[in-house]
Amino acid sequence: MKLLALDTSTTYLSLALSLETETLVFHECVAQKHAERTLPEVSRLLAEAGFALSSLDGIVFGQGPGSFTGLRIACGVAQGLAYSADLPVTAIPTLDNLAWQAGDGLVQVCFDARMQQVYSALYRVGPDWERLSPIAVVSPEDVSLPEGVSMLAGDGFDSYPQLLADARQRLPLSPHSRPHAAAYIRLAESGRYPARHPREAELLYVRNKVALTSIEQQQARNR
């Protein structure tokens, strides 16, 4: 399949364009410049490949959780491109991406949610790939490690060193700490995620409240 994948859930802009025999990638920290960098970099990848957008089979994007503004940019760009070229869109959770990058085994993912919280979920990665727990937003001290976990994944472990500190001494931490567009393509090709009309593209925020009051912020710091 010829797919374009994009992720703007972190400070990185991650793009991947799958061709018949190779995948072109742009994966770079752009800070807060996703809105101005995404479309030009997509155009560059298409030009490098010699493909028209309409020749693709679909658009894949990271639906969250992650940066509130970043998620909206990814969804909006994916919908706009899909509408313009009459293509379907596939939305994939960011934590699924991190788990897949970690490799086979029982994987605990913790992704930095800011505000002294992490997005967390448990996965079994392999031929019978599955998410074993809902994606939830919790305080680092509330993350528990089930028996049998073989790998930790996500930037939450670096953002909050106290997070499962004992487990980190005996379990490997995946080197892939943030979502990568090339992994979205592999996940989309697995057939586990439905390709939908662009109007049905949905975001996965997880956190209902995206901002804390000054009092709540102080309470979080004092925990």
N, C-alpha and C. Protein backbone atom coordinates (compact mmCIF):
# COMPACT_ATOMS: atom_id res chain seq x y z
N MET A 1 0.83 -1.20 0.00
CA MET A 1 0.00 0.00 0.00
C MET A 1 0.87 1.25 0.00
N LYS A 2 0.39 2.29 -0.63
CA LYS A 2 1.06 3.58 -0.63
C LYS A 2 0.31 4.49 0.35
N LEU A 3 0.99 4.79 1.46
CA LEU A 3 0.35 5.54 2.54
C LEU A 3 1.22 6.72 2.95
N LEU A 4 0.55 7.78 3.39
CA LEU A 4 1.23 8.91 4.02
C LEU A 4 0.82 8.91 5.49
N ALA A 5 1.80 8.93 6.39
CA ALA A 5 1.51 8.96 7.82
C ALA A 5 2.10 10.22 8.44
N LEU A 6 1.41 10.76 9.44
CA LEU A 6 1.91 11.94 10.11
C LEU A 6 1.58 11.93 11.59
N ASP A 7 2.48 12.52 12.38
CA ASP A 7 2.29 12.65 13.81
C ASP A 7 2.82 14.00 14.26
N THR A 8 2.00 14.74 15.00
CA THR A 8 2.40 16.03 15.57
C THR A 8 2.03 16.09 17.04
N SER A 9 2.06 14.94 17.71
CA SER A 9 1.61 14.85 19.10
C SER A 9 2.67 15.32 20.10
N THR A 10 3.92 15.49 19.64
CA THR A 10 5.02 15.94 20.50
C THR A 10 5.70 17.13 19.84
N THR A 11 6.86 17.51 20.33
CA THR A 11 7.61 18.60 19.69
C THR A 11 8.20 18.17 18.35
N TYR A 12 8.12 16.87 18.04
CA TYR A 12 8.62 16.37 16.76
C TYR A 12 7.51 16.41 15.71
N LEU A 13 7.93 16.68 14.48
CA LEU A 13 7.08 16.44 13.31
C LEU A 13 7.58 15.16 12.68
N SER A 14 6.71 14.17 12.63
CA SER A 14 7.09 12.87 12.09
C SER A 14 6.20 12.54 10.89
N LEU A 15 6.84 12.34 9.74
CA LEU A 15 6.14 12.03 8.49
C LEU A 15 6.78 10.80 7.85
N ALA A 16 5.96 10.00 7.20
CA ALA A 16 6.49 8.85 6.46
C ALA A 16 5.62 8.62 5.24
N LEU A 17 6.26 8.34 4.13
CA LEU A 17 5.57 8.07 2.87
C LEU A 17 6.03 6.70 2.38
N SER A 18 5.10 5.75 2.38
CA SER A 18 5.47 4.39 1.97
C SER A 18 5.27 4.24 0.47
N LEU A 19 6.29 3.69 -0.17
CA LEU A 19 6.26 3.44 -1.61
C LEU A 19 6.23 1.93 -1.83
N GLU A 20 6.41 1.50 -3.05
CA GLU A 20 6.39 0.06 -3.33
C GLU A 20 7.56 -0.67 -2.66
N THR A 21 8.72 -0.04 -2.66
CA THR A 21 9.92 -0.74 -2.19
C THR A 21 10.64 -0.03 -1.05
N GLU A 22 10.22 1.16 -0.64
CA GLU A 22 10.90 1.90 0.40
C GLU A 22 9.95 2.85 1.11
N THR A 23 10.41 3.44 2.20
CA THR A 23 9.64 4.42 2.94
C THR A 23 10.48 5.67 3.13
N LEU A 24 9.96 6.81 2.69
CA LEU A 24 10.64 8.09 2.89
C LEU A 24 10.18 8.68 4.21
N VAL A 25 11.12 9.24 4.97
CA VAL A 25 10.81 9.68 6.33
C VAL A 25 11.33 11.09 6.57
N PHE A 26 10.54 11.87 7.29
CA PHE A 26 10.99 13.13 7.89
C PHE A 26 10.62 13.04 9.37
N HIS A 27 11.62 13.08 10.25
CA HIS A 27 11.37 12.95 11.68
C HIS A 27 12.31 13.91 12.39
N GLU A 28 11.78 15.05 12.82
CA GLU A 28 12.65 16.11 13.32
C GLU A 28 11.91 16.96 14.35
N CYS A 29 12.66 17.44 15.34
CA CYS A 29 12.08 18.35 16.34
C CYS A 29 11.84 19.71 15.69
N VAL A 30 10.58 20.16 15.72
CA VAL A 30 10.24 21.46 15.14
C VAL A 30 9.67 22.40 16.19
N ALA A 31 9.76 21.99 17.47
CA ALA A 31 9.22 22.78 18.58
C ALA A 31 7.73 23.04 18.36
N GLN A 32 7.35 24.30 18.23
CA GLN A 32 5.92 24.63 18.07
C GLN A 32 5.59 25.03 16.62
N LYS A 33 6.37 24.56 15.65
CA LYS A 33 6.18 25.00 14.27
C LYS A 33 5.51 23.94 13.39
N HIS A 34 4.72 23.07 14.00
CA HIS A 34 4.04 22.04 13.21
C HIS A 34 3.14 22.64 12.14
N ALA A 35 2.41 23.68 12.50
CA ALA A 35 1.43 24.25 11.57
C ALA A 35 2.10 24.77 10.30
N GLU A 36 3.28 25.36 10.44
CA GLU A 36 3.95 25.93 9.27
C GLU A 36 4.87 24.95 8.56
N ARG A 37 5.27 23.86 9.21
CA ARG A 37 6.21 22.93 8.60
C ARG A 37 5.55 21.71 7.96
N THR A 38 4.37 21.31 8.43
CA THR A 38 3.82 20.02 8.02
C THR A 38 3.54 19.94 6.52
N LEU A 39 2.75 20.86 5.99
CA LEU A 39 2.39 20.77 4.57
C LEU A 39 3.60 20.91 3.64
N PRO A 40 4.52 21.86 3.90
CA PRO A 40 5.71 21.93 3.03
C PRO A 40 6.53 20.64 3.05
N GLU A 41 6.67 20.00 4.21
CA GLU A 41 7.44 18.76 4.27
C GLU A 41 6.71 17.60 3.59
N VAL A 42 5.37 17.59 3.69
CA VAL A 42 4.59 16.58 2.96
C VAL A 42 4.79 16.76 1.46
N SER A 43 4.73 17.99 1.00
CA SER A 43 4.92 18.27 -0.43
C SER A 43 6.31 17.85 -0.89
N ARG A 44 7.30 18.08 -0.03
CA ARG A 44 8.67 17.70 -0.38
C ARG A 44 8.81 16.19 -0.52
N LEU A 45 8.22 15.44 0.41
CA LEU A 45 8.29 13.99 0.33
C LEU A 45 7.61 13.46 -0.93
N LEU A 46 6.44 14.02 -1.24
CA LEU A 46 5.73 13.59 -2.45
C LEU A 46 6.54 13.90 -3.70
N ALA A 47 7.15 15.08 -3.72
CA ALA A 47 7.97 15.46 -4.87
C ALA A 47 9.19 14.56 -5.00
N GLU A 48 9.81 14.22 -3.87
CA GLU A 48 10.97 13.33 -3.88
C GLU A 48 10.60 11.96 -4.42
N ALA A 49 9.39 11.51 -4.06
CA ALA A 49 8.93 10.19 -4.51
C ALA A 49 8.41 10.22 -5.94
N GLY A 50 8.09 11.42 -6.44
CA GLY A 50 7.49 11.53 -7.76
C GLY A 50 6.05 11.06 -7.79
N PHE A 51 5.36 11.21 -6.66
CA PHE A 51 3.98 10.76 -6.54
C PHE A 51 3.05 11.96 -6.39
N ALA A 52 1.86 11.81 -6.92
CA ALA A 52 0.78 12.76 -6.64
C ALA A 52 0.03 12.26 -5.41
N LEU A 53 -0.51 13.17 -4.63
CA LEU A 53 -1.26 12.78 -3.45
C LEU A 53 -2.40 11.82 -3.81
N SER A 54 -3.03 12.07 -4.94
CA SER A 54 -4.18 11.25 -5.36
C SER A 54 -3.80 9.81 -5.71
N SER A 55 -2.50 9.54 -5.87
CA SER A 55 -2.07 8.18 -6.21
C SER A 55 -1.90 7.31 -4.97
N LEU A 56 -2.05 7.91 -3.77
CA LEU A 56 -1.90 7.15 -2.54
C LEU A 56 -3.17 6.36 -2.24
N ASP A 57 -3.02 5.43 -1.30
CA ASP A 57 -4.16 4.61 -0.88
C ASP A 57 -4.83 5.15 0.38
N GLY A 58 -4.17 6.06 1.08
CA GLY A 58 -4.79 6.60 2.28
C GLY A 58 -3.83 7.46 3.09
N ILE A 59 -4.39 8.11 4.10
CA ILE A 59 -3.64 8.96 5.02
C ILE A 59 -3.78 8.36 6.42
N VAL A 60 -2.68 8.28 7.16
CA VAL A 60 -2.67 7.74 8.52
C VAL A 60 -2.17 8.84 9.46
N PHE A 61 -2.80 8.96 10.63
CA PHE A 61 -2.32 9.99 11.56
C PHE A 61 -2.43 9.51 13.00
N GLY A 62 -1.58 10.08 13.85
CA GLY A 62 -1.61 9.79 15.28
C GLY A 62 -2.73 10.58 15.93
N GLN A 63 -3.72 9.86 16.46
CA GLN A 63 -4.93 10.51 16.96
C GLN A 63 -4.83 10.94 18.41
N GLY A 64 -3.73 10.60 19.08
CA GLY A 64 -3.58 10.95 20.47
C GLY A 64 -3.57 9.72 21.35
N PRO A 65 -3.39 9.97 22.63
CA PRO A 65 -3.26 11.27 23.29
C PRO A 65 -1.90 11.91 23.04
N GLY A 66 -1.83 13.20 23.39
CA GLY A 66 -0.62 13.97 23.18
C GLY A 66 -0.93 15.45 23.31
N SER A 67 -0.10 16.27 22.74
CA SER A 67 -0.29 17.72 22.78
C SER A 67 -1.65 18.09 22.17
N PHE A 68 -2.44 18.84 22.90
CA PHE A 68 -3.79 19.20 22.45
C PHE A 68 -3.74 19.90 21.09
N THR A 69 -2.89 20.92 20.98
CA THR A 69 -2.79 21.66 19.72
C THR A 69 -2.21 20.77 18.62
N GLY A 70 -1.19 20.00 18.96
CA GLY A 70 -0.57 19.13 17.97
C GLY A 70 -1.55 18.12 17.39
N LEU A 71 -2.37 17.52 18.22
CA LEU A 71 -3.33 16.54 17.74
C LEU A 71 -4.32 17.16 16.76
N ARG A 72 -4.74 18.36 17.05
CA ARG A 72 -5.70 19.04 16.17
C ARG A 72 -5.05 19.35 14.82
N ILE A 73 -3.76 19.67 14.84
CA ILE A 73 -3.06 19.94 13.59
C ILE A 73 -2.99 18.67 12.74
N ALA A 74 -2.61 17.55 13.36
CA ALA A 74 -2.49 16.30 12.61
C ALA A 74 -3.83 15.89 12.02
N CYS A 75 -4.88 15.97 12.81
CA CYS A 75 -6.20 15.58 12.33
C CYS A 75 -6.66 16.50 11.21
N GLY A 76 -6.46 17.80 11.40
CA GLY A 76 -6.88 18.76 10.38
C GLY A 76 -6.15 18.58 9.07
N VAL A 77 -4.83 18.37 9.15
CA VAL A 77 -4.04 18.17 7.93
C VAL A 77 -4.46 16.87 7.24
N ALA A 78 -4.62 15.80 8.03
CA ALA A 78 -5.02 14.52 7.45
C ALA A 78 -6.38 14.63 6.76
N GLN A 79 -7.33 15.29 7.39
CA GLN A 79 -8.64 15.46 6.79
C GLN A 79 -8.57 16.31 5.53
N GLY A 80 -7.83 17.41 5.59
CA GLY A 80 -7.73 18.29 4.43
C GLY A 80 -7.11 17.59 3.23
N LEU A 81 -6.01 16.87 3.46
CA LEU A 81 -5.37 16.14 2.37
C LEU A 81 -6.28 15.05 1.83
N ALA A 82 -6.94 14.34 2.75
CA ALA A 82 -7.82 13.24 2.32
C ALA A 82 -9.00 13.74 1.52
N TYR A 83 -9.60 14.83 1.95
CA TYR A 83 -10.73 15.40 1.20
C TYR A 83 -10.29 15.84 -0.19
N SER A 84 -9.11 16.47 -0.27
CA SER A 84 -8.65 17.01 -1.55
C SER A 84 -8.33 15.92 -2.57
N ALA A 85 -7.96 14.74 -2.09
CA ALA A 85 -7.55 13.66 -3.00
C ALA A 85 -8.51 12.47 -2.96
N ASP A 86 -9.64 12.63 -2.25
CA ASP A 86 -10.64 11.56 -2.15
C ASP A 86 -10.02 10.28 -1.60
N LEU A 87 -9.38 10.40 -0.44
CA LEU A 87 -8.71 9.28 0.20
C LEU A 87 -9.32 9.00 1.57
N PRO A 88 -9.23 7.76 2.05
CA PRO A 88 -9.66 7.45 3.42
C PRO A 88 -8.58 7.83 4.42
N VAL A 89 -8.97 7.95 5.69
CA VAL A 89 -8.02 8.23 6.76
C VAL A 89 -8.06 7.11 7.79
N THR A 90 -6.92 6.85 8.40
CA THR A 90 -6.81 5.85 9.46
C THR A 90 -6.23 6.53 10.68
N ALA A 91 -6.94 6.49 11.80
CA ALA A 91 -6.49 7.10 13.05
C ALA A 91 -5.96 6.01 13.97
N ILE A 92 -4.75 6.24 14.53
CA ILE A 92 -4.11 5.24 15.39
C ILE A 92 -3.61 5.91 16.66
N PRO A 93 -3.88 5.34 17.83
CA PRO A 93 -3.41 5.93 19.08
C PRO A 93 -1.89 6.01 19.18
N THR A 94 -1.41 7.07 19.79
CA THR A 94 0.04 7.27 19.93
C THR A 94 0.68 6.18 20.80
N LEU A 95 -0.02 5.72 21.84
CA LEU A 95 0.57 4.70 22.70
C LEU A 95 0.67 3.36 21.99
N ASP A 96 -0.24 3.08 21.07
CA ASP A 96 -0.12 1.86 20.26
C ASP A 96 1.17 1.91 19.46
N ASN A 97 1.49 3.09 18.93
CA ASN A 97 2.70 3.29 18.15
C ASN A 97 3.94 3.00 19.00
N LEU A 98 3.97 3.54 20.22
CA LEU A 98 5.12 3.35 21.11
C LEU A 98 5.29 1.88 21.49
N ALA A 99 4.16 1.21 21.73
CA ALA A 99 4.24 -0.21 22.08
C ALA A 99 4.79 -1.02 20.92
N TRP A 100 4.31 -0.75 19.73
CA TRP A 100 4.77 -1.50 18.55
C TRP A 100 6.26 -1.31 18.32
N GLN A 101 6.75 -0.08 18.52
CA GLN A 101 8.18 0.18 18.34
C GLN A 101 9.04 -0.55 19.36
N ALA A 102 8.46 -0.86 20.53
CA ALA A 102 9.24 -1.50 21.59
C ALA A 102 9.60 -2.94 21.27
N GLY A 103 8.82 -3.60 20.41
CA GLY A 103 9.12 -4.98 20.05
C GLY A 103 8.29 -5.97 20.84
N ASP A 104 8.47 -7.26 20.52
CA ASP A 104 7.63 -8.31 21.09
C ASP A 104 7.81 -8.45 22.60
N GLY A 105 6.69 -8.75 23.26
CA GLY A 105 6.71 -8.96 24.70
C GLY A 105 5.57 -8.23 25.37
N LEU A 106 5.58 -8.23 26.68
CA LEU A 106 4.60 -7.50 27.47
C LEU A 106 5.20 -6.12 27.75
N VAL A 107 4.55 -5.08 27.22
CA VAL A 107 5.14 -3.74 27.21
C VAL A 107 4.27 -2.78 28.02
N GLN A 108 4.89 -2.10 28.99
CA GLN A 108 4.22 -1.03 29.73
C GLN A 108 4.62 0.30 29.11
N VAL A 109 3.63 1.04 28.59
CA VAL A 109 3.89 2.33 27.96
C VAL A 109 3.46 3.45 28.89
N CYS A 110 4.33 4.44 29.07
CA CYS A 110 4.01 5.65 29.82
C CYS A 110 4.50 6.85 29.00
N PHE A 111 3.56 7.66 28.57
CA PHE A 111 3.82 8.78 27.66
C PHE A 111 3.53 10.07 28.43
N ASP A 112 4.48 11.00 28.41
CA ASP A 112 4.36 12.24 29.19
C ASP A 112 3.09 13.00 28.83
N ALA A 113 2.24 13.24 29.83
CA ALA A 113 0.99 13.98 29.62
C ALA A 113 1.10 15.41 30.15
N ARG A 114 2.28 15.80 30.59
CA ARG A 114 2.50 17.11 31.22
C ARG A 114 1.66 17.18 32.51
N MET A 115 1.69 18.35 33.17
CA MET A 115 0.91 18.57 34.38
C MET A 115 1.09 17.46 35.42
N GLN A 116 2.34 16.92 35.49
CA GLN A 116 2.68 15.88 36.46
C GLN A 116 1.83 14.62 36.30
N GLN A 117 1.54 14.26 35.04
CA GLN A 117 0.77 13.07 34.74
C GLN A 117 1.37 12.35 33.53
N VAL A 118 0.97 11.08 33.38
CA VAL A 118 1.38 10.30 32.20
C VAL A 118 0.16 9.59 31.62
N TYR A 119 0.22 9.35 30.31
CA TYR A 119 -0.73 8.46 29.66
C TYR A 119 -0.14 7.06 29.75
N SER A 120 -0.94 6.11 30.19
CA SER A 120 -0.40 4.78 30.47
C SER A 120 -1.30 3.70 29.90
N ALA A 121 -0.67 2.62 29.42
CA ALA A 121 -1.41 1.44 28.96
C ALA A 121 -0.45 0.26 28.88
N LEU A 122 -1.02 -0.94 28.98
CA LEU A 122 -0.25 -2.18 28.92
C LEU A 122 -0.58 -2.92 27.63
N TYR A 123 0.47 -3.47 26.99
CA TYR A 123 0.30 -4.13 25.70
C TYR A 123 0.98 -5.49 25.68
N ARG A 124 0.41 -6.39 24.90
CA ARG A 124 1.10 -7.61 24.50
C ARG A 124 1.44 -7.44 23.02
N VAL A 125 2.72 -7.34 22.72
CA VAL A 125 3.17 -7.10 21.35
C VAL A 125 3.72 -8.39 20.77
N GLY A 126 3.30 -8.73 19.58
CA GLY A 126 3.72 -9.95 18.92
C GLY A 126 2.66 -10.37 17.92
N PRO A 127 2.64 -11.64 17.51
CA PRO A 127 1.64 -12.11 16.55
C PRO A 127 0.21 -11.87 17.02
N ASP A 128 -0.03 -12.02 18.33
CA ASP A 128 -1.36 -11.76 18.88
C ASP A 128 -1.34 -10.40 19.58
N TRP A 129 -1.06 -9.37 18.81
CA TRP A 129 -0.90 -8.01 19.33
C TRP A 129 -2.21 -7.51 19.92
N GLU A 130 -2.14 -6.97 21.16
CA GLU A 130 -3.36 -6.42 21.75
C GLU A 130 -3.03 -5.45 22.87
N ARG A 131 -3.93 -4.50 23.07
CA ARG A 131 -3.86 -3.59 24.20
C ARG A 131 -4.60 -4.24 25.36
N LEU A 132 -3.91 -4.42 26.48
CA LEU A 132 -4.48 -5.17 27.59
C LEU A 132 -5.18 -4.29 28.62
N SER A 133 -5.00 -2.99 28.53
CA SER A 133 -5.67 -2.08 29.45
C SER A 133 -6.07 -0.82 28.70
N PRO A 134 -7.08 -0.11 29.18
CA PRO A 134 -7.45 1.14 28.52
C PRO A 134 -6.33 2.17 28.63
N ILE A 135 -6.24 3.07 27.66
CA ILE A 135 -5.30 4.18 27.76
C ILE A 135 -5.87 5.16 28.78
N ALA A 136 -5.11 5.43 29.84
CA ALA A 136 -5.59 6.28 30.92
C ALA A 136 -4.56 7.35 31.24
N VAL A 137 -5.01 8.44 31.84
CA VAL A 137 -4.10 9.48 32.31
C VAL A 137 -4.06 9.40 33.83
N VAL A 138 -2.84 9.24 34.39
CA VAL A 138 -2.68 9.03 35.82
C VAL A 138 -1.44 9.77 36.31
N SER A 139 -1.34 9.92 37.61
CA SER A 139 -0.13 10.46 38.22
C SER A 139 0.96 9.39 38.17
N PRO A 140 2.22 9.77 38.04
CA PRO A 140 3.29 8.78 37.94
C PRO A 140 3.30 7.78 39.10
N GLU A 141 2.99 8.26 40.30
CA GLU A 141 3.03 7.36 41.45
C GLU A 141 1.89 6.35 41.44
N ASP A 142 0.90 6.56 40.59
CA ASP A 142 -0.23 5.64 40.52
C ASP A 142 -0.06 4.56 39.45
N VAL A 143 1.06 4.57 38.74
CA VAL A 143 1.31 3.54 37.73
C VAL A 143 1.81 2.28 38.41
N SER A 144 1.15 1.18 38.16
CA SER A 144 1.60 -0.11 38.71
C SER A 144 2.10 -0.99 37.57
N LEU A 145 3.01 -1.88 37.91
CA LEU A 145 3.64 -2.73 36.90
C LEU A 145 3.16 -4.17 37.08
N PRO A 146 2.37 -4.68 36.14
CA PRO A 146 1.90 -6.06 36.25
C PRO A 146 3.05 -7.07 36.14
N GLU A 147 2.81 -8.25 36.65
CA GLU A 147 3.79 -9.32 36.56
C GLU A 147 4.03 -9.71 35.10
N GLY A 148 5.28 -9.95 34.75
CA GLY A 148 5.60 -10.44 33.42
C GLY A 148 5.99 -9.39 32.41
N VAL A 149 5.97 -8.11 32.79
CA VAL A 149 6.36 -7.06 31.85
C VAL A 149 7.83 -7.24 31.46
N SER A 150 8.10 -7.14 30.16
CA SER A 150 9.47 -7.35 29.67
C SER A 150 10.12 -6.10 29.11
N MET A 151 9.33 -5.04 28.92
CA MET A 151 9.87 -3.82 28.30
C MET A 151 9.07 -2.62 28.77
N LEU A 152 9.76 -1.50 28.97
CA LEU A 152 9.13 -0.21 29.25
C LEU A 152 9.29 0.67 28.02
N ALA A 153 8.29 1.52 27.75
CA ALA A 153 8.35 2.36 26.55
C ALA A 153 7.68 3.70 26.80
N GLY A 154 8.20 4.74 26.15
CA GLY A 154 7.61 6.06 26.22
C GLY A 154 8.47 7.05 27.00
N ASP A 155 8.28 8.33 26.72
CA ASP A 155 9.10 9.37 27.34
C ASP A 155 8.68 9.69 28.76
N GLY A 156 7.61 9.09 29.25
CA GLY A 156 7.20 9.34 30.63
C GLY A 156 8.25 8.91 31.63
N PHE A 157 9.02 7.88 31.29
CA PHE A 157 10.04 7.37 32.21
C PHE A 157 11.21 8.35 32.35
N ASP A 158 11.51 9.09 31.29
CA ASP A 158 12.56 10.10 31.38
C ASP A 158 12.04 11.40 31.99
N SER A 159 10.78 11.73 31.70
CA SER A 159 10.19 12.96 32.23
C SER A 159 9.98 12.89 33.74
N TYR A 160 9.68 11.67 34.23
CA TYR A 160 9.42 11.48 35.66
C TYR A 160 10.31 10.34 36.16
N PRO A 161 11.54 10.64 36.55
CA PRO A 161 12.50 9.59 36.93
C PRO A 161 12.00 8.69 38.06
N GLN A 162 11.07 9.21 38.87
CA GLN A 162 10.55 8.40 39.97
C GLN A 162 9.58 7.34 39.49
N LEU A 163 9.16 7.42 38.21
CA LEU A 163 8.17 6.50 37.67
C LEU A 163 8.76 5.10 37.54
N LEU A 164 8.26 4.18 38.35
CA LEU A 164 8.71 2.78 38.33
C LEU A 164 10.23 2.69 38.40
N ALA A 165 10.81 3.48 39.31
CA ALA A 165 12.28 3.55 39.40
C ALA A 165 12.90 2.18 39.64
N ASP A 166 12.29 1.36 40.50
CA ASP A 166 12.83 0.03 40.77
C ASP A 166 12.81 -0.85 39.51
N ALA A 167 11.69 -0.75 38.76
CA ALA A 167 11.56 -1.57 37.54
C ALA A 167 12.58 -1.16 36.50
N ARG A 168 12.92 0.10 36.47
CA ARG A 168 13.88 0.58 35.46
C ARG A 168 15.27 0.00 35.68
N GLN A 169 15.56 -0.44 36.89
CA GLN A 169 16.87 -1.02 37.16
C GLN A 169 16.99 -2.44 36.62
N ARG A 170 15.85 -3.07 36.34
CA ARG A 170 15.90 -4.47 35.88
C ARG A 170 15.24 -4.71 34.53
N LEU A 171 14.55 -3.70 33.98
CA LEU A 171 13.87 -3.86 32.71
C LEU A 171 14.42 -2.89 31.68
N PRO A 172 14.53 -3.31 30.42
CA PRO A 172 15.01 -2.40 29.38
C PRO A 172 13.97 -1.33 29.05
N LEU A 173 14.46 -0.16 28.68
CA LEU A 173 13.61 0.94 28.24
C LEU A 173 13.77 1.09 26.73
N SER A 174 12.68 1.03 26.00
CA SER A 174 12.74 1.16 24.55
C SER A 174 13.43 2.46 24.16
N PRO A 175 14.32 2.42 23.17
CA PRO A 175 14.99 3.65 22.73
C PRO A 175 14.05 4.58 21.96
N HIS A 176 12.88 4.07 21.59
CA HIS A 176 11.93 4.87 20.82
C HIS A 176 10.94 5.53 21.78
N SER A 177 11.26 6.74 22.20
CA SER A 177 10.51 7.39 23.27
C SER A 177 9.32 8.20 22.79
N ARG A 178 9.20 8.40 21.47
CA ARG A 178 8.08 9.19 20.93
C ARG A 178 7.54 8.50 19.68
N PRO A 179 6.30 8.80 19.31
CA PRO A 179 5.71 8.17 18.12
C PRO A 179 6.51 8.48 16.85
N HIS A 180 6.57 7.49 15.96
CA HIS A 180 7.27 7.64 14.69
C HIS A 180 6.31 7.29 13.56
N ALA A 181 6.29 8.13 12.52
CA ALA A 181 5.33 7.95 11.43
C ALA A 181 5.49 6.61 10.71
N ALA A 182 6.72 6.13 10.59
CA ALA A 182 6.93 4.85 9.90
C ALA A 182 6.23 3.72 10.63
N ALA A 183 6.17 3.80 11.96
CA ALA A 183 5.47 2.77 12.73
C ALA A 183 3.97 2.82 12.48
N TYR A 184 3.42 4.02 12.28
CA TYR A 184 1.99 4.12 11.95
C TYR A 184 1.68 3.38 10.65
N ILE A 185 2.58 3.46 9.69
CA ILE A 185 2.34 2.77 8.42
C ILE A 185 2.30 1.27 8.63
N ARG A 186 3.24 0.74 9.41
CA ARG A 186 3.23 -0.70 9.68
C ARG A 186 1.96 -1.11 10.42
N LEU A 187 1.52 -0.31 11.35
CA LEU A 187 0.29 -0.62 12.08
C LEU A 187 -0.93 -0.55 11.16
N ALA A 188 -0.97 0.44 10.29
CA ALA A 188 -2.09 0.55 9.36
C ALA A 188 -2.13 -0.65 8.42
N GLU A 189 -0.96 -1.12 8.01
CA GLU A 189 -0.90 -2.27 7.11
C GLU A 189 -1.34 -3.57 7.79
N SER A 190 -1.36 -3.57 9.12
CA SER A 190 -1.77 -4.77 9.84
C SER A 190 -3.26 -5.06 9.70
N GLY A 191 -4.03 -4.06 9.30
CA GLY A 191 -5.47 -4.24 9.13
C GLY A 191 -6.26 -4.14 10.42
N ARG A 192 -5.61 -3.79 11.52
CA ARG A 192 -6.30 -3.70 12.80
C ARG A 192 -7.07 -2.40 12.97
N TYR A 193 -6.76 -1.42 12.15
CA TYR A 193 -7.37 -0.11 12.30
C TYR A 193 -8.18 0.22 11.05
N PRO A 194 -9.45 0.56 11.18
CA PRO A 194 -10.29 0.79 10.00
C PRO A 194 -9.93 2.10 9.28
N ALA A 195 -9.95 2.05 7.97
CA ALA A 195 -9.81 3.26 7.16
C ALA A 195 -11.21 3.84 6.97
N ARG A 196 -11.36 5.12 7.27
CA ARG A 196 -12.68 5.74 7.27
C ARG A 196 -12.72 6.97 6.37
N HIS A 197 -13.94 7.44 6.13
CA HIS A 197 -14.11 8.70 5.43
C HIS A 197 -13.51 9.81 6.29
N PRO A 198 -12.90 10.84 5.69
CA PRO A 198 -12.26 11.90 6.48
C PRO A 198 -13.17 12.55 7.51
N ARG A 199 -14.45 12.64 7.23
CA ARG A 199 -15.35 13.29 8.20
C ARG A 199 -15.46 12.48 9.49
N GLU A 200 -15.07 11.21 9.47
CA GLU A 200 -15.16 10.36 10.65
C GLU A 200 -13.86 10.30 11.44
N ALA A 201 -12.88 11.09 11.04
CA ALA A 201 -11.60 11.11 11.77
C ALA A 201 -11.83 11.63 13.19
N GLU A 202 -11.32 10.91 14.16
CA GLU A 202 -11.53 11.27 15.56
C GLU A 202 -10.21 11.39 16.31
N LEU A 203 -10.21 12.28 17.28
CA LEU A 203 -9.05 12.45 18.15
C LEU A 203 -9.28 11.71 19.46
N LEU A 204 -8.18 11.29 20.09
CA LEU A 204 -8.23 10.61 21.37
C LEU A 204 -7.49 11.47 22.39
N TYR A 205 -8.25 12.28 23.12
CA TYR A 205 -7.64 13.20 24.07
C TYR A 205 -7.31 12.52 25.40
N VAL A 206 -8.18 11.62 25.88
CA VAL A 206 -8.08 10.93 27.16
C VAL A 206 -8.34 11.90 28.32
N ARG A 207 -7.54 12.95 28.40
CA ARG A 207 -7.76 13.94 29.46
C ARG A 207 -8.88 14.88 29.04
N ASN A 208 -9.92 14.94 29.87
CA ASN A 208 -11.04 15.84 29.57
C ASN A 208 -10.68 17.29 29.85
N LYS A 209 -9.87 17.49 30.89
CA LYS A 209 -9.50 18.84 31.27
C LYS A 209 -8.08 19.10 30.81
N VAL A 210 -7.90 20.02 29.89
CA VAL A 210 -6.58 20.22 29.28
C VAL A 210 -5.78 21.33 29.94
N ALA A 211 -6.34 21.98 30.97
CA ALA A 211 -5.59 23.02 31.66
C ALA A 211 -5.94 22.98 33.14
N LEU A 212 -4.96 23.26 33.98
CA LEU A 212 -5.17 23.31 35.41
C LEU A 212 -5.16 24.76 35.88
N THR A 213 -5.95 25.05 36.91
CA THR A 213 -5.90 26.37 37.51
C THR A 213 -4.58 26.50 38.26
N SER A 214 -4.23 27.73 38.65
CA SER A 214 -2.98 27.95 39.39
C SER A 214 -2.98 27.19 40.71
N ILE A 215 -4.16 27.09 41.36
CA ILE A 215 -4.25 26.36 42.62
C ILE A 215 -4.00 24.87 42.38
N GLU A 216 -4.59 24.32 41.32
CA GLU A 216 -4.40 22.90 41.00
C GLU A 216 -2.95 22.62 40.65
N GLN A 217 -2.30 23.55 39.93
CA GLN A 217 -0.89 23.36 39.59
C GLN A 217 -0.04 23.33 40.85
N GLN A 218 -0.33 24.21 41.81
CA GLN A 218 0.43 24.23 43.06
C GLN A 218 0.20 22.95 43.85
N GLN A 219 -1.03 22.46 43.87
CA GLN A 219 -1.32 21.21 44.56
C GLN A 219 -0.56 20.04 43.95
N ALA A 220 -0.47 20.04 42.60
CA ALA A 220 0.26 18.96 41.90
C ALA A 220 1.74 19.00 42.25
N ARG A 221 2.31 20.22 42.35
CA ARG A 221 3.74 20.34 42.68
C ARG A 221 4.02 19.90 44.12
N ASN A 222 3.03 20.05 45.00
CA ASN A 222 3.22 19.73 46.40
C ASN A 222 2.97 18.27 46.75
N ARG A 223 2.55 17.47 45.76
CA ARG A 223 2.27 16.06 46.03
C ARG A 223 3.56 15.31 46.37
